[in-house]
Each structure stands twice: as structure tokens, then as C-alpha cells.
Amino acid sequence: MSRAFVNEDATHEPEPRYTLPSRESPRFDAAAARVLLEGAHIGNTQSAEAATGYDWGDPVLIPHIEDLIREAEDLGAERMARLGRRYLRKARHT
């Protein structure tokens, strides 16, 4: 391969691995909501969407996102709370 096509300085971050219960589990949607916020937090929403099967802003997850916002606020995790509020804005305009 020509060196013109090799970028030896490129960093290749591995895709995040998310642990989710089975889709049939009653805990799946809550876990998926958390994964979507975590993916957004690291700047990789696309991998979280792929892992969960939900798009960012899917209205189905609103109750779980609201729970996560409260949890984040209680823990002082303002960025996660902000991401949750951003998710809700998108979900409510879909």
C-alpha cells in the first residue's frame, strides 16, 4: 500500500461497548436511555443508537430520560442533565 494512504498518526478509538439487558427485558428501555446519554456524553451518539436500536430523541424513552435528568441533577452531573434536556427537546418536537 502506498504511504500516501497510510496515516500512522491517526488515532483509532475503539467503538464503545454498551451492556444492555435483552430487548425483552422490562429494564431494556431504561438501560437504552442511559446508553444514549452516555454515548452523547462521549460524543458518539451514533454508536449508542446502533447499540440500542433507538434514535436520539425517540419519544418512547421520555420517562426514562426524565428519571436520568433527576438523577444527574441530584449527583451534580450538570452535563448529563443538559444532555437529557436536549434529548427531551428533540423528543417533544418529533
PDB file of N, CA and C in Angstrom:
ATOM      1  N   MET A   1       0.855  -1.176   0.000  1.00  0.00           N
ATOM      2  CA  MET A   1       0.000   0.000   0.000  1.00  0.00           C
ATOM      3  C   MET A   1       0.897   1.233   0.000  1.00  0.00           C
ATOM      4  N   SER A   2       0.535   2.188  -0.773  1.00  0.00           N
ATOM      5  CA  SER A   2       1.277   3.430  -0.838  1.00  0.00           C
ATOM      6  C   SER A   2       1.224   4.157   0.495  1.00  0.00           C
ATOM      7  N   ARG A   3       2.344   4.748   0.890  1.00  0.00           N
ATOM      8  CA  ARG A   3       2.389   5.501   2.148  1.00  0.00           C
ATOM      9  C   ARG A   3       1.480   6.718   2.080  1.00  0.00           C
ATOM     10  N   ALA A   4       1.087   7.140   0.914  1.00  0.00           N
ATOM     11  CA  ALA A   4       0.183   8.280   0.784  1.00  0.00           C
ATOM     12  C   ALA A   4      -1.170   7.989   1.405  1.00  0.00           C
ATOM     13  N   PHE A   5      -1.499   6.704   1.529  1.00  0.00           N
ATOM     14  CA  PHE A   5      -2.803   6.327   2.062  1.00  0.00           C
ATOM     15  C   PHE A   5      -2.737   5.812   3.496  1.00  0.00           C
ATOM     16  N   VAL A   6      -1.577   5.925   4.113  1.00  0.00           N
ATOM     17  CA  VAL A   6      -1.411   5.440   5.478  1.00  0.00           C
ATOM     18  C   VAL A   6      -1.185   6.623   6.396  1.00  0.00           C
ATOM     19  N   ASN A   7      -2.028   6.751   7.380  1.00  0.00           N
ATOM     20  CA  ASN A   7      -1.868   7.812   8.365  1.00  0.00           C
ATOM     21  C   ASN A   7      -1.443   7.165   9.670  1.00  0.00           C
ATOM     22  N   GLU A   8      -0.145   7.124   9.886  1.00  0.00           N
ATOM     23  CA  GLU A   8       0.376   6.456  11.074  1.00  0.00           C
ATOM     24  C   GLU A   8       0.050   7.209  12.353  1.00  0.00           C
ATOM     25  N   ASP A   9      -0.263   8.493  12.241  1.00  0.00           N
ATOM     26  CA  ASP A   9      -0.561   9.296  13.424  1.00  0.00           C
ATOM     27  C   ASP A   9      -2.033   9.273  13.801  1.00  0.00           C
ATOM     28  N   ALA A  10      -2.837   8.661  12.980  1.00  0.00           N
ATOM     29  CA  ALA A  10      -4.281   8.644  13.265  1.00  0.00           C
ATOM     30  C   ALA A  10      -4.555   7.826  14.512  1.00  0.00           C
ATOM     31  N   THR A  11      -5.446   8.339  15.327  1.00  0.00           N
ATOM     32  CA  THR A  11      -5.856   7.569  16.495  1.00  0.00           C
ATOM     33  C   THR A  11      -7.162   6.875  16.149  1.00  0.00           C
ATOM     34  N   HIS A  12      -7.226   5.637  16.467  1.00  0.00           N
ATOM     35  CA  HIS A  12      -8.418   4.859  16.172  1.00  0.00           C
ATOM     36  C   HIS A  12      -9.007   4.408  17.496  1.00  0.00           C
ATOM     37  N   GLU A  13      -9.940   5.183  17.970  1.00  0.00           N
ATOM     38  CA  GLU A  13     -10.618   4.850  19.212  1.00  0.00           C
ATOM     39  C   GLU A  13     -11.551   3.676  18.942  1.00  0.00           C
ATOM     40  N   PRO A  14     -11.500   2.674  19.780  1.00  0.00           N
ATOM     41  CA  PRO A  14     -12.444   1.562  19.597  1.00  0.00           C
ATOM     42  C   PRO A  14     -13.864   2.044  19.882  1.00  0.00           C
ATOM     43  N   GLU A  15     -14.805   1.443  19.201  1.00  0.00           N
ATOM     44  CA  GLU A  15     -16.205   1.782  19.464  1.00  0.00           C
ATOM     45  C   GLU A  15     -16.538   1.413  20.902  1.00  0.00           C
ATOM     46  N   PRO A  16     -17.300   2.261  21.564  1.00  0.00           N
ATOM     47  CA  PRO A  16     -17.693   1.917  22.937  1.00  0.00           C
ATOM     48  C   PRO A  16     -18.519   0.638  22.954  1.00  0.00           C
ATOM     49  N   ARG A  17     -18.409  -0.082  24.027  1.00  0.00           N
ATOM     50  CA  ARG A  17     -19.203  -1.307  24.201  1.00  0.00           C
ATOM     51  C   ARG A  17     -20.220  -1.024  25.292  1.00  0.00           C
ATOM     52  N   TYR A  18     -21.444  -1.245  24.983  1.00  0.00           N
ATOM     53  CA  TYR A  18     -22.524  -0.977  25.923  1.00  0.00           C
ATOM     54  C   TYR A  18     -23.129  -2.303  26.384  1.00  0.00           C
ATOM     55  N   THR A  19     -23.380  -2.382  27.662  1.00  0.00           N
ATOM     56  CA  THR A  19     -24.012  -3.576  28.219  1.00  0.00           C
ATOM     57  C   THR A  19     -25.495  -3.281  28.405  1.00  0.00           C
ATOM     58  N   LEU A  20     -26.304  -4.035  27.716  1.00  0.00           N
ATOM     59  CA  LEU A  20     -27.754  -3.871  27.776  1.00  0.00           C
ATOM     60  C   LEU A  20     -28.415  -5.202  28.107  1.00  0.00           C
ATOM     61  N   PRO A  21     -29.530  -5.152  28.832  1.00  0.00           N
ATOM     62  CA  PRO A  21     -30.299  -6.393  29.010  1.00  0.00           C
ATOM     63  C   PRO A  21     -30.932  -6.780  27.672  1.00  0.00           C
ATOM     64  N   SER A  22     -31.497  -7.950  27.615  1.00  0.00           N
ATOM     65  CA  SER A  22     -32.146  -8.365  26.365  1.00  0.00           C
ATOM     66  C   SER A  22     -33.310  -7.420  26.061  1.00  0.00           C
ATOM     67  N   ARG A  23     -33.630  -7.311  24.785  1.00  0.00           N
ATOM     68  CA  ARG A  23     -34.732  -6.425  24.364  1.00  0.00           C
ATOM     69  C   ARG A  23     -36.052  -6.795  25.028  1.00  0.00           C
ATOM     70  N   GLU A  24     -36.211  -8.049  25.390  1.00  0.00           N
ATOM     71  CA  GLU A  24     -37.447  -8.498  26.022  1.00  0.00           C
ATOM     72  C   GLU A  24     -37.525  -8.116  27.497  1.00  0.00           C
ATOM     73  N   SER A  25     -36.428  -7.698  28.059  1.00  0.00           N
ATOM     74  CA  SER A  25     -36.385  -7.343  29.475  1.00  0.00           C
ATOM     75  C   SER A  25     -37.165  -6.054  29.738  1.00  0.00           C
ATOM     76  N   PRO A  26     -37.897  -5.988  30.846  1.00  0.00           N
ATOM     77  CA  PRO A  26     -38.594  -4.748  31.189  1.00  0.00           C
ATOM     78  C   PRO A  26     -37.618  -3.608  31.526  1.00  0.00           C
ATOM     79  N   ARG A  27     -36.347  -3.939  31.725  1.00  0.00           N
ATOM     80  CA  ARG A  27     -35.338  -2.920  32.035  1.00  0.00           C
ATOM     81  C   ARG A  27     -34.651  -2.369  30.781  1.00  0.00           C
ATOM     82  N   PHE A  28     -34.971  -2.913  29.616  1.00  0.00           N
ATOM     83  CA  PHE A  28     -34.252  -2.528  28.398  1.00  0.00           C
ATOM     84  C   PHE A  28     -34.386  -1.038  28.102  1.00  0.00           C
ATOM     85  N   ASP A  29     -35.577  -0.494  28.120  1.00  0.00           N
ATOM     86  CA  ASP A  29     -35.749   0.906  27.734  1.00  0.00           C
ATOM     87  C   ASP A  29     -35.008   1.857  28.679  1.00  0.00           C
ATOM     88  N   ALA A  30     -35.025   1.567  29.977  1.00  0.00           N
ATOM     89  CA  ALA A  30     -34.290   2.406  30.931  1.00  0.00           C
ATOM     90  C   ALA A  30     -32.786   2.334  30.653  1.00  0.00           C
ATOM     91  N   ALA A  31     -32.300   1.143  30.372  1.00  0.00           N
ATOM     92  CA  ALA A  31     -30.881   0.974  30.067  1.00  0.00           C
ATOM     93  C   ALA A  31     -30.534   1.659  28.745  1.00  0.00           C
ATOM     94  N   ALA A  32     -31.421   1.565  27.768  1.00  0.00           N
ATOM     95  CA  ALA A  32     -31.187   2.206  26.472  1.00  0.00           C
ATOM     96  C   ALA A  32     -31.114   3.726  26.631  1.00  0.00           C
ATOM     97  N   ALA A  33     -31.976   4.291  27.454  1.00  0.00           N
ATOM     98  CA  ALA A  33     -31.946   5.736  27.690  1.00  0.00           C
ATOM     99  C   ALA A  33     -30.594   6.141  28.277  1.00  0.00           C
ATOM    100  N   ARG A  34     -30.114   5.372  29.246  1.00  0.00           N
ATOM    101  CA  ARG A  34     -28.814   5.658  29.865  1.00  0.00           C
ATOM    102  C   ARG A  34     -27.694   5.564  28.825  1.00  0.00           C
ATOM    103  N   VAL A  35     -27.737   4.534  27.986  1.00  0.00           N
ATOM    104  CA  VAL A  35     -26.715   4.353  26.951  1.00  0.00           C
ATOM    105  C   VAL A  35     -26.720   5.529  25.977  1.00  0.00           C
ATOM    106  N   LEU A  36     -27.894   6.000  25.589  1.00  0.00           N
ATOM    107  CA  LEU A  36     -27.957   7.138  24.670  1.00  0.00           C
ATOM    108  C   LEU A  36     -27.322   8.377  25.285  1.00  0.00           C
ATOM    109  N   LEU A  37     -27.579   8.632  26.549  1.00  0.00           N
ATOM    110  CA  LEU A  37     -26.959   9.791  27.207  1.00  0.00           C
ATOM    111  C   LEU A  37     -25.454   9.589  27.353  1.00  0.00           C
ATOM    112  N   GLU A  38     -25.035   8.386  27.696  1.00  0.00           N
ATOM    113  CA  GLU A  38     -23.604   8.108  27.809  1.00  0.00           C
ATOM    114  C   GLU A  38     -22.904   8.280  26.459  1.00  0.00           C
ATOM    115  N   GLY A  39     -23.538   7.804  25.401  1.00  0.00           N
ATOM    116  CA  GLY A  39     -22.970   7.968  24.063  1.00  0.00           C
ATOM    117  C   GLY A  39     -22.834   9.439  23.698  1.00  0.00           C
ATOM    118  N   ALA A  40     -23.847  10.218  23.995  1.00  0.00           N
ATOM    119  CA  ALA A  40     -23.786  11.660  23.725  1.00  0.00           C
ATOM    120  C   ALA A  40     -22.694  12.306  24.565  1.00  0.00           C
ATOM    121  N   HIS A  41     -22.542  11.855  25.789  1.00  0.00           N
ATOM    122  CA  HIS A  41     -21.539  12.414  26.691  1.00  0.00           C
ATOM    123  C   HIS A  41     -20.126  12.231  26.146  1.00  0.00           C
ATOM    124  N   ILE A  42     -19.861  11.110  25.488  1.00  0.00           N
ATOM    125  CA  ILE A  42     -18.526  10.877  24.924  1.00  0.00           C
ATOM    126  C   ILE A  42     -18.442  11.308  23.462  1.00  0.00           C
ATOM    127  N   GLY A  43     -19.516  11.900  22.948  1.00  0.00           N
ATOM    128  CA  GLY A  43     -19.507  12.390  21.572  1.00  0.00           C
ATOM    129  C   GLY A  43     -19.681  11.312  20.535  1.00  0.00           C
ATOM    130  N   ASN A  44     -20.355  10.228  20.898  1.00  0.00           N
ATOM    131  CA  ASN A  44     -20.556   9.139  19.952  1.00  0.00           C
ATOM    132  C   ASN A  44     -21.992   8.624  20.044  1.00  0.00           C
ATOM    133  N   THR A  45     -22.915   9.488  19.737  1.00  0.00           N
ATOM    134  CA  THR A  45     -24.327   9.129  19.777  1.00  0.00           C
ATOM    135  C   THR A  45     -24.643   8.014  18.790  1.00  0.00           C
ATOM    136  N   GLN A  46     -23.948   8.024  17.677  1.00  0.00           N
ATOM    137  CA  GLN A  46     -24.219   7.030  16.632  1.00  0.00           C
ATOM    138  C   GLN A  46     -24.014   5.605  17.144  1.00  0.00           C
ATOM    139  N   SER A  47     -22.963   5.378  17.913  1.00  0.00           N
ATOM    140  CA  SER A  47     -22.729   4.019  18.418  1.00  0.00           C
ATOM    141  C   SER A  47     -23.808   3.625  19.428  1.00  0.00           C
ATOM    142  N   ALA A  48     -24.274   4.601  20.216  1.00  0.00           N
ATOM    143  CA  ALA A  48     -25.335   4.320  21.191  1.00  0.00           C
ATOM    144  C   ALA A  48     -26.648   4.005  20.475  1.00  0.00           C
ATOM    145  N   GLU A  49     -26.929   4.738  19.399  1.00  0.00           N
ATOM    146  CA  GLU A  49     -28.135   4.456  18.621  1.00  0.00           C
ATOM    147  C   GLU A  49     -28.062   3.055  18.021  1.00  0.00           C
ATOM    148  N   ALA A  50     -26.904   2.697  17.518  1.00  0.00           N
ATOM    149  CA  ALA A  50     -26.739   1.367  16.926  1.00  0.00           C
ATOM    150  C   ALA A  50     -26.907   0.274  17.981  1.00  0.00           C
ATOM    151  N   ALA A  51     -26.378   0.511  19.164  1.00  0.00           N
ATOM    152  CA  ALA A  51     -26.445  -0.497  20.228  1.00  0.00           C
ATOM    153  C   ALA A  51     -27.862  -0.679  20.757  1.00  0.00           C
ATOM    154  N   THR A  52     -28.621   0.412  20.817  1.00  0.00           N
ATOM    155  CA  THR A  52     -29.955   0.347  21.423  1.00  0.00           C
ATOM    156  C   THR A  52     -31.074   0.120  20.413  1.00  0.00           C
ATOM    157  N   GLY A  53     -30.856   0.530  19.182  1.00  0.00           N
ATOM    158  CA  GLY A  53     -31.925   0.482  18.189  1.00  0.00           C
ATOM    159  C   GLY A  53     -32.851   1.688  18.274  1.00  0.00           C
ATOM    160  N   TYR A  54     -32.547   2.629  19.156  1.00  0.00           N
ATOM    161  CA  TYR A  54     -33.342   3.852  19.294  1.00  0.00           C
ATOM    162  C   TYR A  54     -32.570   5.026  18.714  1.00  0.00           C
ATOM    163  N   ASP A  55     -33.288   5.933  18.078  1.00  0.00           N
ATOM    164  CA  ASP A  55     -32.689   7.174  17.609  1.00  0.00           C
ATOM    165  C   ASP A  55     -32.686   8.189  18.739  1.00  0.00           C
ATOM    166  N   TRP A  56     -31.747   9.117  18.675  1.00  0.00           N
ATOM    167  CA  TRP A  56     -31.697  10.228  19.619  1.00  0.00           C
ATOM    168  C   TRP A  56     -33.010  11.006  19.505  1.00  0.00           C
ATOM    169  N   GLY A  57     -33.688  11.170  20.609  1.00  0.00           N
ATOM    170  CA  GLY A  57     -34.942  11.908  20.623  1.00  0.00           C
ATOM    171  C   GLY A  57     -36.173  11.042  20.458  1.00  0.00           C
ATOM    172  N   ASP A  58     -36.028   9.734  20.512  1.00  0.00           N
ATOM    173  CA  ASP A  58     -37.195   8.846  20.386  1.00  0.00           C
ATOM    174  C   ASP A  58     -38.123   9.081  21.585  1.00  0.00           C
ATOM    175  N   PRO A  59     -39.369   9.469  21.335  1.00  0.00           N
ATOM    176  CA  PRO A  59     -40.299   9.791  22.421  1.00  0.00           C
ATOM    177  C   PRO A  59     -40.594   8.633  23.378  1.00  0.00           C
ATOM    178  N   VAL A  60     -40.380   7.404  22.944  1.00  0.00           N
ATOM    179  CA  VAL A  60     -40.651   6.243  23.801  1.00  0.00           C
ATOM    180  C   VAL A  60     -39.852   6.321  25.105  1.00  0.00           C
ATOM    181  N   LEU A  61     -38.675   6.918  25.040  1.00  0.00           N
ATOM    182  CA  LEU A  61     -37.782   6.921  26.199  1.00  0.00           C
ATOM    183  C   LEU A  61     -37.944   8.139  27.110  1.00  0.00           C
ATOM    184  N   ILE A  62     -38.893   9.015  26.828  1.00  0.00           N
ATOM    185  CA  ILE A  62     -39.059  10.239  27.620  1.00  0.00           C
ATOM    186  C   ILE A  62     -39.114   9.969  29.129  1.00  0.00           C
ATOM    187  N   PRO A  63     -39.938   9.044  29.627  1.00  0.00           N
ATOM    188  CA  PRO A  63     -39.992   8.852  31.090  1.00  0.00           C
ATOM    189  C   PRO A  63     -38.640   8.450  31.686  1.00  0.00           C
ATOM    190  N   HIS A  64     -37.889   7.653  30.959  1.00  0.00           N
ATOM    191  CA  HIS A  64     -36.583   7.201  31.450  1.00  0.00           C
ATOM    192  C   HIS A  64     -35.564   8.339  31.421  1.00  0.00           C
ATOM    193  N   ILE A  65     -35.620   9.150  30.387  1.00  0.00           N
ATOM    194  CA  ILE A  65     -34.721  10.304  30.297  1.00  0.00           C
ATOM    195  C   ILE A  65     -35.036  11.279  31.434  1.00  0.00           C
ATOM    196  N   GLU A  66     -36.310  11.489  31.718  1.00  0.00           N
ATOM    197  CA  GLU A  66     -36.680  12.373  32.831  1.00  0.00           C
ATOM    198  C   GLU A  66     -36.108  11.856  34.148  1.00  0.00           C
ATOM    199  N   ASP A  67     -36.163  10.549  34.362  1.00  0.00           N
ATOM    200  CA  ASP A  67     -35.571   9.953  35.565  1.00  0.00           C
ATOM    201  C   ASP A  67     -34.062  10.198  35.605  1.00  0.00           C
ATOM    202  N   LEU A  68     -33.411  10.044  34.465  1.00  0.00           N
ATOM    203  CA  LEU A  68     -31.968  10.231  34.409  1.00  0.00           C
ATOM    204  C   LEU A  68     -31.574  11.688  34.638  1.00  0.00           C
ATOM    205  N   ILE A  69     -32.405  12.613  34.188  1.00  0.00           N
ATOM    206  CA  ILE A  69     -32.141  14.031  34.441  1.00  0.00           C
ATOM    207  C   ILE A  69     -32.184  14.301  35.944  1.00  0.00           C
ATOM    208  N   ARG A  70     -33.215  13.792  36.609  1.00  0.00           N
ATOM    209  CA  ARG A  70     -33.313  13.981  38.067  1.00  0.00           C
ATOM    210  C   ARG A  70     -32.107  13.364  38.774  1.00  0.00           C
ATOM    211  N   GLU A  71     -31.730  12.174  38.357  1.00  0.00           N
ATOM    212  CA  GLU A  71     -30.573  11.502  38.951  1.00  0.00           C
ATOM    213  C   GLU A  71     -29.303  12.337  38.754  1.00  0.00           C
ATOM    214  N   ALA A  72     -29.109  12.833  37.536  1.00  0.00           N
ATOM    215  CA  ALA A  72     -27.925  13.644  37.234  1.00  0.00           C
ATOM    216  C   ALA A  72     -27.912  14.921  38.065  1.00  0.00           C
ATOM    217  N   GLU A  73     -29.059  15.562  38.190  1.00  0.00           N
ATOM    218  CA  GLU A  73     -29.136  16.783  38.996  1.00  0.00           C
ATOM    219  C   GLU A  73     -28.815  16.489  40.460  1.00  0.00           C
ATOM    220  N   ASP A  74     -29.326  15.387  40.983  1.00  0.00           N
ATOM    221  CA  ASP A  74     -29.040  15.006  42.365  1.00  0.00           C
ATOM    222  C   ASP A  74     -27.552  14.751  42.588  1.00  0.00           C
ATOM    223  N   LEU A  75     -26.879  14.232  41.559  1.00  0.00           N
ATOM    224  CA  LEU A  75     -25.454  13.918  41.658  1.00  0.00           C
ATOM    225  C   LEU A  75     -24.565  15.100  41.278  1.00  0.00           C
ATOM    226  N   GLY A  76     -25.193  16.199  40.819  1.00  0.00           N
ATOM    227  CA  GLY A  76     -24.407  17.352  40.378  1.00  0.00           C
ATOM    228  C   GLY A  76     -23.740  17.143  39.025  1.00  0.00           C
ATOM    229  N   ALA A  77     -24.249  16.218  38.243  1.00  0.00           N
ATOM    230  CA  ALA A  77     -23.712  15.918  36.912  1.00  0.00           C
ATOM    231  C   ALA A  77     -24.442  16.797  35.892  1.00  0.00           C
ATOM    232  N   GLU A  78     -24.080  18.070  35.871  1.00  0.00           N
ATOM    233  CA  GLU A  78     -24.814  19.042  35.054  1.00  0.00           C
ATOM    234  C   GLU A  78     -24.759  18.722  33.562  1.00  0.00           C
ATOM    235  N   ARG A  79     -23.608  18.243  33.076  1.00  0.00           N
ATOM    236  CA  ARG A  79     -23.534  17.933  31.638  1.00  0.00           C
ATOM    237  C   ARG A  79     -24.528  16.840  31.266  1.00  0.00           C
ATOM    238  N   MET A  80     -24.630  15.805  32.089  1.00  0.00           N
ATOM    239  CA  MET A  80     -25.591  14.733  31.793  1.00  0.00           C
ATOM    240  C   MET A  80     -27.016  15.257  31.861  1.00  0.00           C
ATOM    241  N   ALA A  81     -27.294  16.123  32.813  1.00  0.00           N
ATOM    242  CA  ALA A  81     -28.634  16.715  32.910  1.00  0.00           C
ATOM    243  C   ALA A  81     -28.925  17.544  31.661  1.00  0.00           C
ATOM    244  N   ARG A  82     -27.929  18.320  31.208  1.00  0.00           N
ATOM    245  CA  ARG A  82     -28.110  19.124  29.989  1.00  0.00           C
ATOM    246  C   ARG A  82     -28.373  18.247  28.781  1.00  0.00           C
ATOM    247  N   LEU A  83     -27.620  17.144  28.675  1.00  0.00           N
ATOM    248  CA  LEU A  83     -27.838  16.221  27.554  1.00  0.00           C
ATOM    249  C   LEU A  83     -29.238  15.636  27.608  1.00  0.00           C
ATOM    250  N   GLY A  84     -29.705  15.300  28.803  1.00  0.00           N
ATOM    251  CA  GLY A  84     -31.063  14.789  28.953  1.00  0.00           C
ATOM    252  C   GLY A  84     -32.099  15.799  28.520  1.00  0.00           C
ATOM    253  N   ARG A  85     -31.897  17.056  28.900  1.00  0.00           N
ATOM    254  CA  ARG A  85     -32.849  18.106  28.490  1.00  0.00           C
ATOM    255  C   ARG A  85     -32.824  18.303  26.971  1.00  0.00           C
ATOM    256  N   ARG A  86     -31.643  18.182  26.384  1.00  0.00           N
ATOM    257  CA  ARG A  86     -31.529  18.289  24.922  1.00  0.00           C
ATOM    258  C   ARG A  86     -32.292  17.142  24.253  1.00  0.00           C
ATOM    259  N   TYR A  87     -32.163  15.950  24.820  1.00  0.00           N
ATOM    260  CA  TYR A  87     -32.898  14.791  24.309  1.00  0.00           C
ATOM    261  C   TYR A  87     -34.404  15.075  24.360  1.00  0.00           C
ATOM    262  N   LEU A  88     -34.876  15.598  25.495  1.00  0.00           N
ATOM    263  CA  LEU A  88     -36.316  15.872  25.643  1.00  0.00           C
ATOM    264  C   LEU A  88     -36.789  16.907  24.626  1.00  0.00           C
ATOM    265  N   ARG A  89     -36.000  17.935  24.397  1.00  0.00           N
ATOM    266  CA  ARG A  89     -36.404  18.947  23.393  1.00  0.00           C
ATOM    267  C   ARG A  89     -36.603  18.296  22.037  1.00  0.00           C
ATOM    268  N   LYS A  90     -35.669  17.440  21.648  1.00  0.00           N
ATOM    269  CA  LYS A  90     -35.793  16.754  20.353  1.00  0.00           C
ATOM    270  C   LYS A  90     -37.006  15.819  20.361  1.00  0.00           C
ATOM    271  N   ALA A  91     -37.196  15.072  21.453  1.00  0.00           N
ATOM    272  CA  ALA A  91     -38.298  14.107  21.531  1.00  0.00           C
ATOM    273  C   ALA A  91     -39.648  14.794  21.449  1.00  0.00           C
ATOM    274  N   ARG A  92     -39.754  15.946  22.017  1.00  0.00           N
ATOM    275  CA  ARG A  92     -41.041  16.653  22.044  1.00  0.00           C
ATOM    276  C   ARG A  92     -41.325  17.415  20.768  1.00  0.00           C
ATOM    277  N   HIS A  93     -40.337  17.481  19.883  1.00  0.00           N
ATOM    278  CA  HIS A  93     -40.538  18.140  18.592  1.00  0.00           C
ATOM    279  C   HIS A  93     -40.490  17.152  17.449  1.00  0.00           C
ATOM    280  N   THR A  94     -40.605  15.882  17.775  1.00  0.00           N
ATOM    281  CA  THR A  94     -40.576  14.850  16.740  1.00  0.00           C
ATOM    282  C   THR A  94     -41.973  14.517  16.270  1.00  0.00           C
TER     283      THR A  94
END
